[in-house]
Amino acid sequence: MKKKDILELKRRLKKDDCTFTKMCGCYVNSEKNIILKFKENFLNLRDEEYYKYLEIAKKTLSGTIGNNLLELNFPFDETSVNSTQLSLMELKKSALKDDAMLDSFYKLIIDSYDYSGNFLIVIFHDAYDVISRTTDNGKLDESEEVYEYLLCSICPVELTAAGLGYFESENEIKARTRDWVVSMPDVGFVFPTFSDRSSDVNSIIYYTKNAKNPHPELMEQALGCNSKKTAYEQKETFNCILNKAVGDDKQKTDHLFMEIQETLNNMIEENNEINGKDAEPIIINKDNIGELLTESGIPEHISSKIEECYNDEFIDAPPIAENLIDKKALDKNEQRKKEERLEKKVQILEEKLETTKKELEANNDTDIIVKVRPEKVSEIKSQIIDGKKYIIIPIEENEQANVNGIASLL
């Protein structure tokens, strides 16, 4: 799953390009009971509804890949076909026309989704005629394939806030009626995945609004896929592993954490310099986690603990380096370093100023101060003439001299 594939699907979700054939759904209350079902020809919807549903669909394809958008894979089994995968394929093939299949799908979502309030399940069917492209990304008239897919959004339905309102017909201000309003999706998915401009029935594009709570129960129970941590969860898990390995010494933990952060950042920058900005991301797996810790200067007795816990936690889905980066912490650390460098410069200047001040104070008791270039020092002589002591400094024709800052003609 790549960003350009997601954007290609998302760009089509506008009035003139959208080709949704069917839209179905159901409204579920907090007791997990279906209140109503609906089935609509999408292109026949009134504009007010059309654009609202289109906005819901677009939201299900939004966010950061790896954090809000996850690629979930169906478990591979040579002996049998995944039942959920097969059900989704049949539902797609039916183009949402089979009521029994829809009811089974609704029940699967309702039984799996851990949510205490009312919510709306809405599912769209689309058949995208994928036009082939030239090497410079220009369009051709020939179609490569028809990408048929389902897009499902699960939206919380919440009561509007209580308040006063103006009733024009009665010309009064009074308590307004509270309505149940459909919010933007909490979770959703697209099946099958659109990968390299082609269909991949072995995976799902999964959307979560909240990266802290992506609803793994829905990934596993409703969709039959292996659950996957978001980038936020991976970073938090990694930080917990580090804290546990180091112990209660916060200062030491913070230091080691920043060392790892800087090493990760350097790895990413080096990878981008060598392979370009579109380089394949670096995966931090069991084969290179030890190298990362060594390069970060982590003591062996601590790194062995981190490595063991890391491999246990990320054995099935190791994170990419970018997902373990804490950009705020890096920025804060860089700012701290700048301030330390500035403080050091100020300290050096203050020391120089203090030295100069002491020299000036020492020179206040001296009547004559002579400053010459180092190479002239050996030429300076003391001589008594007519009973008086003189300092003699030979001056060449091309040499200049000044006394107390005033040029002297010698």
Protein backbone atom coordinates (compact mmCIF):
# COMPACT_ATOMS: atom_id res chain seq x y z
CA MET A 1 0.00 0.00 0.00
CA LYS A 2 1.48 3.30 -1.13
CA LYS A 3 0.43 6.89 -0.67
CA LYS A 4 -0.03 7.42 -4.41
CA ASP A 5 -2.51 4.50 -4.57
CA ILE A 6 -4.55 5.96 -1.70
CA LEU A 7 -4.55 9.40 -3.33
CA GLU A 8 -5.68 7.94 -6.65
CA LEU A 9 -8.75 6.42 -5.00
CA LYS A 10 -9.44 9.51 -2.91
CA ARG A 11 -9.26 11.91 -5.88
CA ARG A 12 -12.15 10.08 -7.51
CA LEU A 13 -14.49 10.82 -4.62
CA LYS A 14 -16.00 13.97 -6.08
CA LYS A 15 -19.18 14.75 -7.94
CA ASP A 16 -17.95 14.32 -11.52
CA ASP A 17 -15.65 11.33 -10.97
CA CYS A 18 -17.38 9.20 -8.33
CA THR A 19 -18.74 5.90 -9.66
CA PHE A 20 -20.25 4.37 -6.51
CA THR A 21 -23.00 2.04 -7.69
CA LYS A 22 -24.66 1.19 -4.41
CA MET A 23 -24.72 2.34 -0.80
CA CYS A 24 -26.18 0.32 2.06
CA GLY A 25 -26.11 0.59 5.81
CA CYS A 26 -27.77 0.31 9.16
CA TYR A 27 -28.20 2.42 12.28
CA VAL A 28 -27.34 0.68 15.57
CA ASN A 29 -28.24 1.85 19.09
CA SER A 30 -26.18 1.53 22.27
CA GLU A 31 -27.84 -1.82 23.05
CA LYS A 32 -26.43 -3.20 19.78
CA ASN A 33 -29.87 -3.36 18.18
CA ILE A 34 -30.43 -2.35 14.55
CA ILE A 35 -32.92 0.55 14.44
CA LEU A 36 -33.09 0.87 10.67
CA LYS A 37 -31.55 -0.39 7.44
CA PHE A 38 -31.22 1.44 4.15
CA LYS A 39 -30.16 0.70 0.58
CA GLU A 40 -29.69 3.44 -1.99
CA ASN A 41 -28.61 3.95 -5.57
CA PHE A 42 -25.76 6.33 -4.71
CA LEU A 43 -25.91 8.46 -7.85
CA ASN A 44 -29.65 9.07 -7.26
CA LEU A 45 -29.17 10.67 -3.84
CA ARG A 46 -30.14 14.30 -3.32
CA ASP A 47 -27.15 16.64 -3.39
CA GLU A 48 -27.33 17.43 0.34
CA GLU A 49 -27.05 13.73 1.21
CA TYR A 50 -24.74 12.86 -1.68
CA TYR A 51 -21.99 15.24 -0.54
CA LYS A 52 -22.29 14.26 3.13
CA TYR A 53 -21.90 10.55 2.36
CA LEU A 54 -19.07 11.34 -0.05
CA GLU A 55 -17.31 13.23 2.73
CA ILE A 56 -17.62 10.16 4.99
CA ALA A 57 -16.10 7.95 2.27
CA LYS A 58 -13.20 10.37 1.68
CA LYS A 59 -12.46 10.53 5.40
CA THR A 60 -12.03 6.74 5.43
CA LEU A 61 -9.09 7.20 3.05
CA SER A 62 -7.41 10.01 4.98
CA GLY A 63 -4.58 10.29 7.48
CA THR A 64 -1.01 9.02 7.71
CA ILE A 65 -0.08 5.62 6.32
CA GLY A 66 1.15 3.47 9.19
CA ASN A 67 -0.76 5.47 11.77
CA ASN A 68 -4.32 6.18 10.55
CA LEU A 69 -4.16 3.87 7.54
CA LEU A 70 -2.91 0.32 8.08
CA GLU A 71 -2.51 -2.53 5.62
CA LEU A 72 -3.95 -5.64 7.29
CA ASN A 73 -3.19 -9.08 5.92
CA PHE A 74 -5.33 -12.19 6.07
CA PRO A 75 -3.54 -15.13 7.76
CA PHE A 76 -2.07 -17.45 5.16
CA ASP A 77 -3.15 -21.07 5.36
CA GLU A 78 -2.42 -23.54 2.56
CA THR A 79 -5.10 -25.97 3.74
CA SER A 80 -8.11 -23.63 3.92
CA VAL A 81 -9.51 -20.29 2.77
CA ASN A 82 -10.11 -17.56 5.36
CA SER A 83 -13.88 -17.51 5.92
CA THR A 84 -14.08 -13.73 6.46
CA GLN A 85 -12.01 -13.08 3.36
CA LEU A 86 -14.32 -15.36 1.38
CA SER A 87 -17.43 -13.61 2.77
CA LEU A 88 -16.07 -10.20 1.79
CA MET A 89 -15.27 -11.44 -1.70
CA GLU A 90 -18.83 -12.76 -2.08
CA LEU A 91 -20.31 -9.53 -0.71
CA LYS A 92 -18.25 -7.55 -3.23
CA LYS A 93 -19.30 -9.85 -6.04
CA SER A 94 -22.98 -9.37 -5.13
CA ALA A 95 -22.56 -5.59 -5.53
CA LEU A 96 -24.49 -5.21 -2.22
CA LYS A 97 -27.66 -6.71 -3.71
CA ASP A 98 -27.85 -9.76 -1.43
CA ASP A 99 -29.74 -8.84 1.78
CA ALA A 100 -28.75 -12.02 3.62
CA MET A 101 -25.06 -11.33 3.03
CA LEU A 102 -25.51 -7.75 4.20
CA ASP A 103 -27.27 -8.88 7.38
CA SER A 104 -24.44 -11.30 8.15
CA PHE A 105 -21.91 -8.53 7.57
CA TYR A 106 -23.77 -6.09 9.84
CA LYS A 107 -23.99 -8.70 12.60
CA LEU A 108 -20.25 -9.40 12.37
CA ILE A 109 -19.44 -5.70 12.77
CA ILE A 110 -21.96 -5.13 15.58
CA ASP A 111 -20.77 -8.15 17.59
CA SER A 112 -17.10 -7.18 17.24
CA TYR A 113 -17.08 -3.40 17.52
CA ASP A 114 -16.24 -2.28 21.07
CA TYR A 115 -18.25 0.94 21.26
CA SER A 116 -20.80 1.94 23.90
CA GLY A 117 -22.86 4.52 21.96
CA ASN A 118 -25.02 4.64 18.85
CA PHE A 119 -23.31 4.23 15.49
CA LEU A 120 -23.93 4.01 11.77
CA ILE A 121 -22.51 1.34 9.46
CA VAL A 122 -22.38 2.48 5.85
CA ILE A 123 -20.89 0.45 3.00
CA PHE A 124 -20.27 1.55 -0.59
CA HIS A 125 -19.69 -0.56 -3.70
CA ASP A 126 -17.56 0.74 -6.56
CA ALA A 127 -16.10 -0.52 -9.84
CA TYR A 128 -13.15 1.64 -10.91
CA ASP A 129 -12.05 1.31 -14.52
CA VAL A 130 -8.28 1.68 -14.01
CA ILE A 131 -6.86 3.55 -16.99
CA SER A 132 -3.29 2.60 -17.92
CA ARG A 133 -0.59 5.23 -17.59
CA THR A 134 2.56 6.04 -19.51
CA THR A 135 5.99 6.09 -17.88
CA ASP A 136 5.68 9.86 -17.36
CA ASN A 137 2.35 9.31 -15.54
CA GLY A 138 0.23 10.44 -18.49
CA LYS A 139 -3.13 8.73 -19.06
CA LEU A 140 -3.93 6.37 -21.95
CA ASP A 141 -7.38 5.36 -23.15
CA GLU A 142 -6.83 1.65 -22.56
CA SER A 143 -8.09 0.06 -19.34
CA GLU A 144 -5.75 -2.22 -17.41
CA GLU A 145 -8.44 -3.76 -15.19
CA VAL A 146 -11.63 -3.01 -13.32
CA TYR A 147 -10.89 -2.57 -9.63
CA GLU A 148 -14.06 -3.62 -7.83
CA TYR A 149 -14.08 -2.87 -4.12
CA LEU A 150 -16.08 -2.20 -0.97
CA LEU A 151 -15.56 0.83 1.25
CA CYS A 152 -17.05 0.61 4.74
CA SER A 153 -17.28 3.43 7.30
CA ILE A 154 -18.39 3.10 10.92
CA CYS A 155 -19.53 6.47 12.28
CA PRO A 156 -20.53 7.42 15.84
CA VAL A 157 -24.01 8.96 16.09
CA GLU A 158 -24.17 11.50 18.91
CA LEU A 159 -26.67 13.89 20.42
CA THR A 160 -26.10 17.56 19.73
CA ALA A 161 -25.32 19.71 22.76
CA ALA A 162 -28.23 21.18 24.71
CA GLY A 163 -28.79 24.88 24.17
CA LEU A 164 -31.11 27.71 23.30
CA GLY A 165 -32.23 28.51 19.77
CA TYR A 166 -34.25 31.07 17.85
CA PHE A 167 -37.55 29.77 16.43
CA GLU A 168 -38.44 32.07 13.55
CA SER A 169 -42.04 30.91 13.14
CA GLU A 170 -42.79 31.69 16.79
CA ASN A 171 -40.32 34.58 17.09
CA GLU A 172 -39.03 33.12 20.36
CA ILE A 173 -35.79 32.06 22.01
CA LYS A 174 -36.22 28.73 23.75
CA ALA A 175 -34.61 25.33 24.30
CA ARG A 176 -33.91 23.73 20.96
CA THR A 177 -34.52 20.08 20.17
CA ARG A 178 -31.48 17.85 20.53
CA ASP A 179 -30.79 15.80 17.40
CA TRP A 180 -28.85 12.64 16.71
CA VAL A 181 -26.03 13.62 14.33
CA VAL A 182 -23.76 11.30 12.32
CA SER A 183 -20.08 12.11 12.95
CA MET A 184 -17.08 11.41 10.72
CA PRO A 185 -15.89 7.76 10.77
CA ASP A 186 -14.24 6.33 13.84
CA VAL A 187 -12.99 3.30 11.87
CA GLY A 188 -13.44 1.87 8.39
CA PHE A 189 -11.84 -0.23 5.69
CA VAL A 190 -11.44 -0.82 1.97
CA PHE A 191 -11.47 -4.36 0.53
CA PRO A 192 -9.55 -5.44 -1.43
CA THR A 193 -6.43 -3.26 -1.16
CA PHE A 194 -5.54 -1.06 -4.14
CA SER A 195 -1.82 -1.79 -4.49
CA ASP A 196 0.35 -0.66 -7.42
CA ARG A 197 -2.88 0.28 -9.22
CA SER A 198 -4.20 -3.26 -8.94
CA SER A 199 -6.42 -5.34 -6.69
CA ASP A 200 -4.92 -7.38 -3.83
CA VAL A 201 -7.54 -9.65 -2.22
CA ASN A 202 -5.08 -10.82 0.44
CA SER A 203 -5.14 -7.56 2.36
CA ILE A 204 -7.37 -4.72 3.59
CA ILE A 205 -6.83 -0.96 3.91
CA TYR A 206 -7.89 -0.27 7.49
CA TYR A 207 -8.71 3.25 8.74
CA THR A 208 -8.71 4.45 12.34
CA LYS A 209 -9.39 8.02 13.42
CA ASN A 210 -7.69 7.55 16.79
CA ALA A 211 -4.20 6.04 16.49
CA LYS A 212 -4.20 5.47 20.26
CA ASN A 213 -7.26 3.20 20.03
CA PRO A 214 -7.46 1.55 16.58
CA HIS A 215 -9.93 -1.16 17.72
CA PRO A 216 -7.85 -4.33 17.19
CA GLU A 217 -10.94 -6.38 18.04
CA LEU A 218 -12.50 -5.20 14.78
CA MET A 219 -9.36 -6.10 12.81
CA GLU A 220 -9.30 -9.64 14.20
CA GLN A 221 -12.92 -10.61 14.85
CA ALA A 222 -14.85 -8.74 12.15
CA LEU A 223 -12.26 -8.70 9.38
CA GLY A 224 -10.40 -11.91 10.20
CA CYS A 225 -6.97 -10.25 9.85
CA ASN A 226 -3.90 -10.14 12.03
CA SER A 227 -4.15 -6.97 14.10
CA LYS A 228 -1.44 -4.37 13.65
CA LYS A 229 -0.17 -1.59 15.89
CA THR A 230 -0.33 2.00 14.70
CA ALA A 231 2.86 4.07 14.56
CA TYR A 232 1.78 5.75 17.79
CA GLU A 233 1.35 2.39 19.54
CA GLN A 234 4.69 1.09 18.22
CA LYS A 235 6.51 4.16 19.52
CA GLU A 236 4.81 3.94 22.93
CA THR A 237 5.58 0.21 23.18
CA PHE A 238 9.24 0.81 22.31
CA ASN A 239 9.51 3.57 24.92
CA CYS A 240 7.98 1.26 27.56
CA ILE A 241 10.55 -1.45 26.68
CA LEU A 242 13.38 1.07 27.13
CA ASN A 243 12.01 2.37 30.44
CA LYS A 244 11.60 -1.15 31.77
CA ALA A 245 15.15 -2.15 30.77
CA VAL A 246 16.84 0.91 32.30
CA GLY A 247 14.81 1.08 35.51
CA ASP A 248 13.77 4.07 37.60
CA ASP A 249 16.73 6.30 36.67
CA LYS A 250 14.85 8.91 34.63
CA GLN A 251 17.93 10.92 33.73
CA LYS A 252 19.68 7.82 32.40
CA THR A 253 16.54 6.71 30.54
CA ASP A 254 16.18 10.12 28.89
CA HIS A 255 19.84 10.10 27.85
CA LEU A 256 19.71 6.61 26.32
CA PHE A 257 16.38 7.42 24.65
CA MET A 258 17.86 10.47 22.91
CA GLU A 259 20.93 8.50 21.81
CA ILE A 260 18.64 5.96 20.12
CA GLN A 261 16.51 8.71 18.60
CA GLU A 262 19.55 10.38 17.04
CA THR A 263 20.86 7.06 15.69
CA LEU A 264 17.47 6.29 14.12
CA ASN A 265 17.33 9.76 12.59
CA ASN A 266 20.84 9.40 11.16
CA MET A 267 19.92 6.00 9.67
CA ILE A 268 16.88 7.49 7.93
CA GLU A 269 18.82 10.51 6.59
CA GLU A 270 21.61 8.28 5.30
CA ASN A 271 19.10 5.93 3.63
CA ASN A 272 17.40 8.89 1.92
CA GLU A 273 20.73 10.32 0.74
CA ILE A 274 21.79 7.01 -0.79
CA ASN A 275 18.46 5.84 -2.22
CA GLY A 276 16.49 9.08 -2.62
CA LYS A 277 13.37 10.32 -0.85
CA ASP A 278 11.30 7.43 -2.26
CA ALA A 279 13.64 4.88 -0.70
CA GLU A 280 12.17 1.78 0.89
CA PRO A 281 11.79 2.41 4.64
CA ILE A 282 14.20 0.78 7.08
CA ILE A 283 12.54 -1.99 9.08
CA ILE A 284 13.88 -2.39 12.62
CA ASN A 285 13.67 -6.15 13.08
CA LYS A 286 15.46 -8.82 15.12
CA ASP A 287 18.39 -8.75 12.68
CA ASN A 288 19.29 -5.08 13.16
CA ILE A 289 17.87 -4.02 16.56
CA GLY A 290 21.16 -5.09 18.20
CA GLU A 291 23.15 -2.97 15.73
CA LEU A 292 20.92 0.03 16.44
CA LEU A 293 21.49 -0.28 20.19
CA THR A 294 25.26 -0.74 19.79
CA GLU A 295 25.57 2.33 17.54
CA SER A 296 23.58 4.28 20.12
CA GLY A 297 26.13 3.41 22.80
CA ILE A 298 23.68 1.41 24.94
CA PRO A 299 25.53 -0.69 27.57
CA GLU A 300 25.47 -4.41 26.80
CA HIS A 301 23.62 -5.43 29.99
CA ILE A 302 20.79 -3.01 29.07
CA SER A 303 20.77 -3.67 25.32
CA SER A 304 20.33 -7.42 25.86
CA LYS A 305 17.17 -6.76 27.91
CA ILE A 306 15.83 -4.32 25.31
CA GLU A 307 16.57 -6.70 22.44
CA GLU A 308 14.83 -9.64 24.13
CA CYS A 309 11.65 -7.67 24.93
CA TYR A 310 11.67 -6.00 21.50
CA ASN A 311 11.78 -9.32 19.64
CA ASP A 312 8.96 -10.72 21.78
CA GLU A 313 6.77 -7.65 21.21
CA PHE A 314 7.40 -7.12 17.50
CA ILE A 315 7.98 -10.70 16.35
CA ASP A 316 5.14 -10.63 13.78
CA ALA A 317 5.19 -7.00 12.62
CA PRO A 318 8.48 -5.15 13.21
CA PRO A 319 8.12 -1.36 12.87
CA ILE A 320 9.85 0.89 10.37
CA ALA A 321 12.42 3.33 11.71
CA GLU A 322 10.18 6.37 11.09
CA ASN A 323 7.53 4.96 13.44
CA LEU A 324 9.97 4.92 16.37
CA ILE A 325 11.05 8.53 15.86
CA ASP A 326 9.80 11.10 18.35
CA LYS A 327 10.08 14.31 16.28
CA LYS A 328 9.12 16.57 19.18
CA ALA A 329 11.82 15.04 21.38
CA LEU A 330 14.42 15.40 18.60
CA ASP A 331 13.47 19.03 17.99
CA LYS A 332 13.58 19.75 21.72
CA ASN A 333 16.98 18.06 22.03
CA GLU A 334 18.35 20.02 19.06
CA GLN A 335 17.12 23.25 20.63
CA ARG A 336 18.79 22.26 23.91
CA LYS A 337 22.07 21.64 22.07
CA LYS A 338 21.87 25.04 20.36
CA GLU A 339 21.32 26.70 23.73
CA GLU A 340 24.28 24.79 25.24
CA ARG A 341 26.52 25.84 22.33
CA LEU A 342 25.41 29.44 22.78
CA GLU A 343 26.02 29.28 26.54
CA LYS A 344 29.52 27.87 25.89
CA LYS A 345 30.32 30.72 23.48
CA VAL A 346 29.11 33.26 26.04
CA GLN A 347 31.25 31.59 28.70
CA ILE A 348 34.35 31.74 26.46
CA LEU A 349 33.71 35.43 25.72
CA GLU A 350 33.24 36.17 29.40
CA GLU A 351 36.52 34.40 30.21
CA LYS A 352 38.34 36.40 27.51
CA LEU A 353 36.80 39.61 28.82
CA GLU A 354 37.89 38.77 32.35
CA THR A 355 41.45 38.02 31.16
CA THR A 356 41.59 41.34 29.25
CA LYS A 357 40.25 43.17 32.28
CA LYS A 358 42.96 41.69 34.50
CA GLU A 359 45.64 42.60 31.96
CA LEU A 360 44.40 46.19 31.83
CA GLU A 361 44.32 46.39 35.62
CA ALA A 362 47.88 45.03 35.77
CA ASN A 363 49.02 47.53 33.16
CA ASN A 364 47.56 50.53 35.04
CA ASP A 365 50.70 50.56 37.27
CA THR A 366 53.03 50.60 34.26
CA ASP A 367 54.21 53.89 32.67
CA ILE A 368 55.28 52.42 29.34
CA ILE A 369 53.57 49.54 27.49
CA VAL A 370 55.23 48.25 24.31
CA LYS A 371 53.40 45.99 21.84
CA VAL A 372 55.27 44.56 18.88
CA ARG A 373 54.90 41.62 16.53
CA PRO A 374 56.36 38.40 17.97
CA GLU A 375 59.20 38.35 15.44
CA LYS A 376 60.36 41.82 16.63
CA VAL A 377 60.77 40.86 20.30
CA SER A 378 64.30 39.53 19.85
CA GLU A 379 65.38 42.86 18.31
CA ILE A 380 64.38 44.99 21.34
CA LYS A 381 67.36 46.20 23.41
CA SER A 382 67.88 48.31 26.52
CA GLN A 383 70.65 50.96 26.46
CA ILE A 384 71.84 53.83 28.74
CA ILE A 385 72.52 57.06 26.89
CA ASP A 386 73.73 60.20 28.73
CA GLY A 387 72.85 58.56 32.00
CA LYS A 388 69.29 57.72 30.99
CA LYS A 389 67.85 54.31 30.22
CA TYR A 390 66.33 53.86 26.74
CA ILE A 391 64.42 51.09 24.96
CA ILE A 392 65.70 50.70 21.41
CA ILE A 393 63.52 49.07 18.73
CA PRO A 394 64.98 48.99 15.22
CA ILE A 395 62.50 49.99 12.49
CA GLU A 396 62.87 48.98 8.87
CA GLU A 397 61.92 51.31 6.01
CA ASN A 398 58.71 49.43 5.19
CA GLU A 399 57.54 49.20 8.82
CA GLN A 400 54.93 51.45 10.39
CA ALA A 401 54.67 52.51 14.02
CA ASN A 402 52.13 54.28 16.22
CA VAL A 403 52.20 55.63 19.74
CA ASN A 404 49.03 55.32 21.85
CA GLY A 405 47.09 54.58 18.68
CA ILE A 406 48.42 57.64 16.82
CA ALA A 407 50.50 57.12 13.68
CA SER A 408 54.09 58.25 14.19
CA LEU A 409 56.27 59.59 11.39
CA LEU A 410 59.70 58.05 11.98
